[in-house]
Amino acid sequence: MINLIDKIDRSNYILSEVEGVFTLKNENTTIGFVRFNEHGEIEYIFVNPLFRKKGFAKKLLKLVKEKTKKKIILQSPISPLGSKLLKSIEKWN
């Protein structure tokens, strides 16, 4: 388990990493996950609708950036939500 998530109570969440996938869960459900490669390319990212707009996608992307030491690249196609996320990560990438 990686200890990189900031500003959330880690005692309420479980973070796992398996072969290029970070998964964030609580005791009841999967909050979100991100699939990536060693080049920092995001192949897929998902956040449970109940947990959206709370910064979980950005936290997952920051984990990828820390892990790969690369600039985050979102692969096409990008959904409308993905486009908004892309604009927000350009600020800190």
N, C-alpha and C. Protein backbone atom coordinates (compact mmCIF):
# COMPACT_ATOMS: atom_id res chain seq x y z
N MET A 1 0.85 -1.17 0.00
CA MET A 1 0.00 0.00 0.00
C MET A 1 0.89 1.24 0.00
N ILE A 2 0.54 2.20 -0.80
CA ILE A 2 1.32 3.42 -0.91
C ILE A 2 0.71 4.49 -0.03
N ASN A 3 1.54 5.26 0.62
CA ASN A 3 1.10 6.26 1.57
C ASN A 3 1.16 7.67 0.98
N LEU A 4 0.67 7.86 -0.25
CA LEU A 4 0.83 9.15 -0.92
C LEU A 4 -0.42 10.02 -0.93
N ILE A 5 -1.56 9.48 -0.52
CA ILE A 5 -2.78 10.29 -0.55
C ILE A 5 -2.72 11.32 0.56
N ASP A 6 -2.93 12.57 0.18
CA ASP A 6 -2.86 13.65 1.16
C ASP A 6 -4.25 14.21 1.44
N LYS A 7 -4.40 14.80 2.59
CA LYS A 7 -5.61 15.52 2.98
C LYS A 7 -6.87 14.66 3.04
N ILE A 8 -6.75 13.37 3.21
CA ILE A 8 -7.91 12.54 3.51
C ILE A 8 -7.53 11.61 4.65
N ASP A 9 -8.50 11.18 5.40
CA ASP A 9 -8.26 10.29 6.53
C ASP A 9 -7.99 8.89 6.00
N ARG A 10 -6.72 8.47 6.02
CA ARG A 10 -6.34 7.17 5.48
C ARG A 10 -6.96 6.01 6.22
N SER A 11 -7.38 6.21 7.46
CA SER A 11 -7.98 5.11 8.22
C SER A 11 -9.33 4.68 7.64
N ASN A 12 -9.95 5.54 6.83
CA ASN A 12 -11.24 5.22 6.22
C ASN A 12 -11.13 4.66 4.80
N TYR A 13 -9.90 4.61 4.24
CA TYR A 13 -9.71 4.21 2.86
C TYR A 13 -8.62 3.17 2.74
N ILE A 14 -8.76 2.32 1.72
CA ILE A 14 -7.75 1.32 1.42
C ILE A 14 -7.25 1.61 0.01
N LEU A 15 -5.94 1.80 -0.12
CA LEU A 15 -5.32 2.04 -1.41
C LEU A 15 -4.50 0.82 -1.77
N SER A 16 -4.73 0.28 -2.96
CA SER A 16 -3.93 -0.85 -3.41
C SER A 16 -3.39 -0.55 -4.80
N GLU A 17 -2.26 -1.19 -5.11
CA GLU A 17 -1.66 -1.07 -6.44
C GLU A 17 -1.35 -2.47 -6.94
N VAL A 18 -1.85 -2.76 -8.13
CA VAL A 18 -1.58 -4.04 -8.77
C VAL A 18 -1.33 -3.79 -10.25
N GLU A 19 -0.13 -4.08 -10.71
CA GLU A 19 0.23 -4.03 -12.14
C GLU A 19 -0.34 -2.82 -12.88
N GLY A 20 0.02 -1.64 -12.47
CA GLY A 20 -0.39 -0.43 -13.17
C GLY A 20 -1.80 0.04 -12.89
N VAL A 21 -2.37 -0.38 -11.78
CA VAL A 21 -3.70 0.07 -11.39
C VAL A 21 -3.69 0.45 -9.92
N PHE A 22 -4.04 1.69 -9.62
CA PHE A 22 -4.30 2.10 -8.25
C PHE A 22 -5.80 2.02 -8.02
N THR A 23 -6.21 1.39 -6.92
CA THR A 23 -7.62 1.29 -6.57
C THR A 23 -7.81 1.86 -5.17
N LEU A 24 -8.78 2.72 -5.02
CA LEU A 24 -9.10 3.33 -3.74
C LEU A 24 -10.49 2.86 -3.32
N LYS A 25 -10.56 2.26 -2.12
CA LYS A 25 -11.82 1.70 -1.62
C LYS A 25 -12.06 2.18 -0.20
N ASN A 26 -13.32 2.07 0.24
CA ASN A 26 -13.62 2.15 1.65
C ASN A 26 -14.18 0.80 2.05
N GLU A 27 -14.72 0.66 3.22
CA GLU A 27 -15.18 -0.67 3.64
C GLU A 27 -16.41 -1.15 2.88
N ASN A 28 -17.09 -0.26 2.17
CA ASN A 28 -18.33 -0.61 1.48
C ASN A 28 -18.23 -0.72 -0.03
N THR A 29 -17.34 0.05 -0.65
CA THR A 29 -17.37 0.14 -2.11
C THR A 29 -16.03 0.61 -2.66
N THR A 30 -15.89 0.50 -3.96
CA THR A 30 -14.75 1.10 -4.66
C THR A 30 -15.06 2.56 -4.90
N ILE A 31 -14.16 3.41 -4.46
CA ILE A 31 -14.32 4.85 -4.66
C ILE A 31 -13.86 5.23 -6.06
N GLY A 32 -12.74 4.67 -6.47
CA GLY A 32 -12.24 4.96 -7.80
C GLY A 32 -11.01 4.16 -8.11
N PHE A 33 -10.60 4.20 -9.39
CA PHE A 33 -9.36 3.55 -9.78
C PHE A 33 -8.81 4.23 -11.01
N VAL A 34 -7.51 4.02 -11.22
CA VAL A 34 -6.84 4.55 -12.40
C VAL A 34 -5.91 3.47 -12.93
N ARG A 35 -5.95 3.26 -14.25
CA ARG A 35 -5.04 2.33 -14.92
C ARG A 35 -4.06 3.17 -15.72
N PHE A 36 -2.78 2.85 -15.60
CA PHE A 36 -1.74 3.67 -16.22
C PHE A 36 -0.58 2.78 -16.68
N ASN A 37 0.31 3.38 -17.48
CA ASN A 37 1.52 2.65 -17.86
C ASN A 37 2.75 3.40 -17.33
N GLU A 38 3.91 2.81 -17.55
CA GLU A 38 5.15 3.37 -16.98
C GLU A 38 5.55 4.71 -17.58
N HIS A 39 4.90 5.13 -18.65
CA HIS A 39 5.18 6.42 -19.28
C HIS A 39 4.31 7.55 -18.73
N GLY A 40 3.45 7.24 -17.75
CA GLY A 40 2.56 8.24 -17.18
C GLY A 40 1.28 8.43 -17.97
N GLU A 41 1.03 7.54 -18.93
CA GLU A 41 -0.19 7.64 -19.72
C GLU A 41 -1.35 7.00 -18.96
N ILE A 42 -2.42 7.75 -18.82
CA ILE A 42 -3.61 7.26 -18.15
C ILE A 42 -4.46 6.54 -19.18
N GLU A 43 -4.63 5.24 -18.99
CA GLU A 43 -5.42 4.44 -19.91
C GLU A 43 -6.89 4.48 -19.54
N TYR A 44 -7.19 4.59 -18.25
CA TYR A 44 -8.57 4.65 -17.81
C TYR A 44 -8.61 5.19 -16.39
N ILE A 45 -9.57 6.05 -16.10
CA ILE A 45 -9.78 6.54 -14.75
C ILE A 45 -11.28 6.56 -14.47
N PHE A 46 -11.65 6.15 -13.28
CA PHE A 46 -13.05 6.10 -12.90
C PHE A 46 -13.17 6.50 -11.44
N VAL A 47 -14.17 7.33 -11.13
CA VAL A 47 -14.54 7.65 -9.76
C VAL A 47 -16.04 7.39 -9.63
N ASN A 48 -16.39 6.64 -8.61
CA ASN A 48 -17.78 6.32 -8.31
C ASN A 48 -18.58 7.63 -8.26
N PRO A 49 -19.73 7.72 -8.93
CA PRO A 49 -20.51 8.96 -8.95
C PRO A 49 -20.81 9.54 -7.56
N LEU A 50 -20.93 8.69 -6.55
CA LEU A 50 -21.20 9.18 -5.19
C LEU A 50 -20.02 9.95 -4.60
N PHE A 51 -18.82 9.76 -5.18
CA PHE A 51 -17.61 10.37 -4.63
C PHE A 51 -17.00 11.41 -5.56
N ARG A 52 -17.69 11.76 -6.62
CA ARG A 52 -17.15 12.75 -7.57
C ARG A 52 -17.19 14.15 -6.98
N LYS A 53 -16.35 15.00 -7.53
CA LYS A 53 -16.22 16.41 -7.12
C LYS A 53 -15.72 16.55 -5.69
N LYS A 54 -14.93 15.55 -5.26
CA LYS A 54 -14.32 15.59 -3.93
C LYS A 54 -12.81 15.46 -4.01
N GLY A 55 -12.25 15.52 -5.22
CA GLY A 55 -10.81 15.50 -5.39
C GLY A 55 -10.18 14.12 -5.52
N PHE A 56 -10.98 13.06 -5.60
CA PHE A 56 -10.40 11.72 -5.67
C PHE A 56 -9.69 11.46 -6.99
N ALA A 57 -10.22 11.95 -8.10
CA ALA A 57 -9.55 11.75 -9.39
C ALA A 57 -8.18 12.42 -9.39
N LYS A 58 -8.12 13.63 -8.89
CA LYS A 58 -6.83 14.33 -8.82
C LYS A 58 -5.85 13.59 -7.92
N LYS A 59 -6.34 13.05 -6.81
CA LYS A 59 -5.48 12.30 -5.91
C LYS A 59 -4.93 11.04 -6.59
N LEU A 60 -5.79 10.35 -7.34
CA LEU A 60 -5.33 9.17 -8.07
C LEU A 60 -4.30 9.55 -9.12
N LEU A 61 -4.52 10.65 -9.81
CA LEU A 61 -3.55 11.10 -10.82
C LEU A 61 -2.22 11.50 -10.19
N LYS A 62 -2.28 12.12 -9.02
CA LYS A 62 -1.04 12.48 -8.33
C LYS A 62 -0.26 11.23 -7.93
N LEU A 63 -0.96 10.17 -7.58
CA LEU A 63 -0.30 8.90 -7.27
C LEU A 63 0.45 8.37 -8.49
N VAL A 64 -0.18 8.48 -9.66
CA VAL A 64 0.47 8.03 -10.89
C VAL A 64 1.71 8.86 -11.16
N LYS A 65 1.59 10.16 -11.00
CA LYS A 65 2.73 11.05 -11.24
C LYS A 65 3.88 10.74 -10.29
N GLU A 66 3.56 10.50 -9.02
CA GLU A 66 4.60 10.13 -8.05
C GLU A 66 5.24 8.79 -8.40
N LYS A 67 4.44 7.84 -8.83
CA LYS A 67 4.92 6.50 -9.15
C LYS A 67 5.80 6.49 -10.39
N THR A 68 5.35 7.16 -11.45
CA THR A 68 6.05 7.10 -12.73
C THR A 68 7.12 8.17 -12.89
N LYS A 69 7.03 9.23 -12.09
CA LYS A 69 7.95 10.37 -12.22
C LYS A 69 7.86 11.00 -13.62
N LYS A 70 6.67 10.93 -14.22
CA LYS A 70 6.44 11.46 -15.57
C LYS A 70 5.27 12.43 -15.55
N LYS A 71 5.22 13.26 -16.59
CA LYS A 71 4.06 14.14 -16.78
C LYS A 71 2.86 13.27 -17.13
N ILE A 72 1.71 13.58 -16.56
CA ILE A 72 0.49 12.83 -16.80
C ILE A 72 -0.01 13.10 -18.22
N ILE A 73 -0.34 12.03 -18.93
CA ILE A 73 -0.90 12.13 -20.27
C ILE A 73 -2.19 11.33 -20.29
N LEU A 74 -3.31 11.98 -20.64
CA LEU A 74 -4.58 11.27 -20.77
C LEU A 74 -4.71 10.78 -22.20
N GLN A 75 -4.94 9.49 -22.37
CA GLN A 75 -5.11 8.93 -23.71
C GLN A 75 -6.49 9.26 -24.25
N SER A 76 -6.63 9.34 -25.56
CA SER A 76 -7.92 9.56 -26.21
C SER A 76 -8.67 8.25 -26.24
N PRO A 77 -9.99 8.20 -26.33
CA PRO A 77 -10.88 9.35 -26.30
C PRO A 77 -11.12 9.82 -24.88
N ILE A 78 -11.41 11.09 -24.76
CA ILE A 78 -11.67 11.68 -23.46
C ILE A 78 -13.15 12.06 -23.40
N SER A 79 -13.82 11.63 -22.34
CA SER A 79 -15.22 11.98 -22.15
C SER A 79 -15.33 13.45 -21.77
N PRO A 80 -16.54 14.01 -21.75
CA PRO A 80 -16.69 15.40 -21.29
C PRO A 80 -16.13 15.60 -19.88
N LEU A 81 -16.36 14.62 -18.98
CA LEU A 81 -15.78 14.74 -17.64
C LEU A 81 -14.27 14.67 -17.69
N GLY A 82 -13.76 13.82 -18.58
CA GLY A 82 -12.31 13.70 -18.73
C GLY A 82 -11.69 14.98 -19.25
N SER A 83 -12.40 15.66 -20.13
CA SER A 83 -11.90 16.94 -20.65
C SER A 83 -11.77 17.97 -19.53
N LYS A 84 -12.76 18.01 -18.63
CA LYS A 84 -12.68 18.92 -17.48
C LYS A 84 -11.50 18.55 -16.59
N LEU A 85 -11.31 17.25 -16.38
CA LEU A 85 -10.20 16.79 -15.56
C LEU A 85 -8.87 17.16 -16.19
N LEU A 86 -8.77 17.01 -17.50
CA LEU A 86 -7.54 17.36 -18.21
C LEU A 86 -7.19 18.83 -17.99
N LYS A 87 -8.18 19.71 -18.10
CA LYS A 87 -7.93 21.13 -17.90
C LYS A 87 -7.43 21.41 -16.48
N SER A 88 -7.98 20.70 -15.51
CA SER A 88 -7.58 20.95 -14.12
C SER A 88 -6.19 20.40 -13.82
N ILE A 89 -5.80 19.29 -14.46
CA ILE A 89 -4.48 18.74 -14.14
C ILE A 89 -3.37 19.49 -14.89
N GLU A 90 -3.72 20.17 -15.96
CA GLU A 90 -2.71 20.96 -16.67
C GLU A 90 -2.10 22.02 -15.76
N LYS A 91 -2.86 22.45 -14.76
CA LYS A 91 -2.38 23.47 -13.82
C LYS A 91 -1.26 22.96 -12.93
N TRP A 92 -1.32 21.69 -12.54
CA TRP A 92 -0.33 21.17 -11.59
C TRP A 92 0.59 20.13 -12.19
N ASN A 93 0.41 19.75 -13.43
CA ASN A 93 1.20 18.69 -14.06
C ASN A 93 2.61 19.11 -14.34
